[in-house]
Amino acid sequence: MKKNVLTFGLIAGCIVTFMMLITAVYCNGANESVNMYLGYGTQLIAFSMIFVAVKNYRDKYNNGAITFGKAFTIGLYITLIASTMYVVAWLFDYHFFIPDFMDKYSASMIAKAKSSGKSEQEIKEQILSATNLKQMYKNPIFVILITYVEILPVGLVITLISALILKKKINDNTLAVS
């Protein structure tokens, strides 16, 4: 199981990390909603490795059977590996290549609020929110946690779905043939 988890976890981590780095370089300052869809789409592609890994383990190493718990465990480990790679890559990217990310992001939040026709009070609240977020982003622990929150839930949902779809008990005929 370890080799299976490590292999597919690293593949998923490489996919999501590579695409995040590419979009950070080439899409920095581009439309935020396009970046968001591209990012989550990439996460779905990367975490599809969970389904492949669970099916691979079930069919090749576990005589065609796997419990929900075992399938979920495999997916969880893959999610943790890929998510950790993503977080480390983001920290590296943020600190060395786009240290002004929060300045640009908070300015974008404020500009959106002003151009949306919101009231003066709502704009002030958005400015305060952007300022607070920018201040919190100075804490590396916050950056790590918020980055995990960005990716981990997607992996957990894919893990849950994969475990539900792929769980399979050994039937009596399989035991008789073995």
Protein backbone atom coordinates (compact mmCIF):
# COMPACT_ATOMS: atom_id res chain seq x y z
CA MET A 1 0.00 0.00 0.00
CA LYS A 2 2.85 2.40 0.81
CA LYS A 3 4.34 2.26 -2.68
CA ASN A 4 0.90 2.73 -4.25
CA VAL A 5 0.09 5.71 -2.04
CA LEU A 6 3.49 7.31 -2.50
CA THR A 7 3.50 6.86 -6.27
CA PHE A 8 0.02 8.24 -6.85
CA GLY A 9 0.41 10.91 -4.17
CA LEU A 10 3.55 12.22 -5.86
CA ILE A 11 1.87 12.15 -9.28
CA ALA A 12 -1.13 14.08 -7.95
CA GLY A 13 1.17 16.50 -6.12
CA CYS A 14 3.26 17.10 -9.24
CA ILE A 15 0.17 17.79 -11.35
CA VAL A 16 -1.37 20.27 -8.94
CA THR A 17 1.94 21.91 -8.04
CA PHE A 18 3.14 22.26 -11.61
CA MET A 19 -0.13 23.81 -12.75
CA MET A 20 -0.24 26.16 -9.75
CA LEU A 21 3.27 27.38 -10.53
CA ILE A 22 2.43 27.84 -14.22
CA THR A 23 -0.72 29.81 -13.47
CA ALA A 24 1.08 31.91 -10.87
CA VAL A 25 3.70 32.87 -13.45
CA TYR A 26 1.53 33.28 -16.53
CA CYS A 27 -1.84 34.25 -15.07
CA ASN A 28 -0.67 36.60 -12.31
CA GLY A 29 -3.00 39.57 -12.51
CA ALA A 30 -5.37 37.84 -14.92
CA ASN A 31 -9.07 37.39 -14.29
CA GLU A 32 -9.44 35.92 -10.79
CA SER A 33 -12.45 33.76 -11.65
CA VAL A 34 -10.55 32.18 -14.58
CA ASN A 35 -7.65 31.43 -12.23
CA MET A 36 -10.05 29.95 -9.68
CA TYR A 37 -11.72 27.65 -12.22
CA LEU A 38 -8.37 26.64 -13.67
CA GLY A 39 -7.02 25.92 -10.19
CA TYR A 40 -9.95 23.81 -9.05
CA GLY A 41 -10.10 22.04 -12.40
CA THR A 42 -6.46 21.10 -12.00
CA GLN A 43 -7.13 19.88 -8.47
CA LEU A 44 -9.90 17.62 -9.78
CA ILE A 45 -7.56 16.20 -12.43
CA ALA A 46 -4.78 15.68 -9.89
CA PHE A 47 -7.05 14.08 -7.33
CA SER A 48 -8.45 11.70 -9.95
CA MET A 49 -5.25 9.80 -9.10
CA ILE A 50 -7.03 8.78 -5.89
CA PHE A 51 -9.59 6.81 -7.88
CA VAL A 52 -6.83 5.23 -9.98
CA ALA A 53 -4.75 4.37 -6.90
CA VAL A 54 -7.64 2.79 -4.99
CA LYS A 55 -8.71 0.75 -8.02
CA ASN A 56 -5.10 -0.27 -8.65
CA TYR A 57 -4.65 -1.39 -5.04
CA ARG A 58 -7.99 -3.21 -4.97
CA ASP A 59 -7.46 -5.07 -8.25
CA LYS A 60 -3.71 -5.77 -8.21
CA TYR A 61 -2.80 -6.15 -4.56
CA ASN A 62 -5.98 -7.02 -2.69
CA ASN A 63 -7.65 -9.77 -4.76
CA GLY A 64 -10.31 -7.45 -6.18
CA ALA A 65 -11.73 -6.43 -2.81
CA ILE A 66 -11.39 -3.35 -0.64
CA THR A 67 -13.29 -1.96 2.32
CA PHE A 68 -14.54 1.59 2.46
CA GLY A 69 -12.10 2.30 5.32
CA LYS A 70 -9.04 1.02 3.44
CA ALA A 71 -10.05 2.89 0.27
CA PHE A 72 -10.62 6.06 2.28
CA THR A 73 -7.24 5.67 4.00
CA ILE A 74 -5.45 5.35 0.67
CA GLY A 75 -7.23 8.45 -0.64
CA LEU A 76 -6.54 10.38 2.54
CA TYR A 77 -2.81 9.70 2.36
CA ILE A 78 -2.69 10.70 -1.31
CA THR A 79 -4.62 13.86 -0.48
CA LEU A 80 -2.16 14.72 2.31
CA ILE A 81 0.88 14.13 0.08
CA ALA A 82 -0.47 16.17 -2.84
CA SER A 83 -1.79 18.94 -0.58
CA THR A 84 1.50 19.23 1.27
CA MET A 85 3.39 19.48 -2.01
CA TYR A 86 0.95 22.21 -3.08
CA VAL A 87 1.41 24.15 0.17
CA VAL A 88 5.21 23.95 0.02
CA ALA A 89 5.21 25.05 -3.63
CA TRP A 90 2.90 27.96 -2.83
CA LEU A 91 5.12 29.09 0.04
CA PHE A 92 8.15 28.94 -2.24
CA ASP A 93 6.33 30.73 -5.07
CA TYR A 94 4.85 33.37 -2.79
CA HIS A 95 8.04 34.21 -0.92
CA PHE A 96 10.46 34.15 -3.85
CA PHE A 97 8.46 35.10 -6.94
CA ILE A 98 5.29 36.99 -6.00
CA PRO A 99 5.85 38.54 -2.57
CA ASP A 100 3.47 41.34 -3.59
CA PHE A 101 0.60 38.87 -4.10
CA MET A 102 -1.43 40.14 -1.14
CA ASP A 103 -0.95 43.76 -2.18
CA LYS A 104 -2.35 42.95 -5.62
CA TYR A 105 -5.09 40.72 -4.26
CA SER A 106 -6.32 43.22 -1.67
CA ALA A 107 -6.20 46.03 -4.24
CA SER A 108 -8.28 43.85 -6.55
CA MET A 109 -10.82 43.18 -3.77
CA ILE A 110 -11.16 46.91 -3.10
CA ALA A 111 -11.39 47.82 -6.80
CA LYS A 112 -14.12 45.21 -7.31
CA ALA A 113 -16.10 46.61 -4.38
CA LYS A 114 -15.82 50.16 -5.72
CA SER A 115 -16.78 49.23 -9.28
CA SER A 116 -19.73 47.08 -8.22
CA GLY A 117 -21.81 50.03 -7.11
CA LYS A 118 -21.76 49.07 -3.46
CA SER A 119 -22.61 51.61 -0.80
CA GLU A 120 -19.91 53.61 0.96
CA GLN A 121 -20.34 51.47 4.08
CA GLU A 122 -19.97 48.23 2.12
CA ILE A 123 -16.83 49.58 0.44
CA LYS A 124 -15.38 50.51 3.84
CA GLU A 125 -16.14 46.99 5.09
CA GLN A 126 -14.42 45.50 2.03
CA ILE A 127 -11.37 47.71 2.61
CA LEU A 128 -11.24 46.61 6.24
CA SER A 129 -11.61 42.96 5.20
CA ALA A 130 -8.80 43.29 2.63
CA THR A 131 -6.57 45.04 5.16
CA ASN A 132 -7.20 42.35 7.78
CA LEU A 133 -6.53 39.55 5.30
CA LYS A 134 -3.32 41.23 4.20
CA GLN A 135 -2.23 41.55 7.83
CA MET A 136 -3.07 37.91 8.63
CA TYR A 137 -1.12 36.78 5.54
CA LYS A 138 2.06 38.07 7.19
CA ASN A 139 1.82 35.11 9.60
CA PRO A 140 3.35 32.00 7.94
CA ILE A 141 1.10 29.67 9.96
CA PHE A 142 -1.96 31.45 8.57
CA VAL A 143 -0.58 31.17 5.02
CA ILE A 144 -0.03 27.43 5.49
CA LEU A 145 -3.48 26.87 6.97
CA ILE A 146 -5.34 28.94 4.38
CA THR A 147 -3.47 27.16 1.57
CA TYR A 148 -4.40 23.76 2.99
CA VAL A 149 -8.03 24.92 3.23
CA GLU A 150 -7.84 25.78 -0.46
CA ILE A 151 -6.93 22.26 -1.59
CA LEU A 152 -7.60 19.70 1.15
CA PRO A 153 -11.43 19.70 0.93
CA VAL A 154 -11.30 18.89 -2.78
CA GLY A 155 -9.09 15.87 -2.10
CA LEU A 156 -11.32 14.72 0.74
CA VAL A 157 -14.44 14.88 -1.44
CA ILE A 158 -12.72 12.90 -4.21
CA THR A 159 -11.50 10.43 -1.57
CA LEU A 160 -15.00 9.95 -0.21
CA ILE A 161 -16.52 9.49 -3.66
CA SER A 162 -13.77 7.06 -4.74
CA ALA A 163 -14.09 5.00 -1.55
CA LEU A 164 -17.86 4.77 -1.97
CA ILE A 165 -17.66 3.76 -5.63
CA LEU A 166 -14.76 1.32 -5.37
CA LYS A 167 -15.52 -0.51 -2.11
CA LYS A 168 -16.03 -4.16 -2.89
CA LYS A 169 -16.38 -7.20 -0.69
CA ILE A 170 -14.92 -10.58 -1.48
CA ASN A 171 -17.74 -12.92 -2.43
CA ASP A 172 -17.88 -16.61 -1.58
CA ASN A 173 -17.04 -17.67 -5.16
CA THR A 174 -13.78 -15.72 -5.05
CA LEU A 175 -12.82 -17.44 -1.81
CA ALA A 176 -13.53 -20.89 -3.27
CA VAL A 177 -11.34 -20.23 -6.31
CA SER A 178 -8.47 -18.87 -4.19
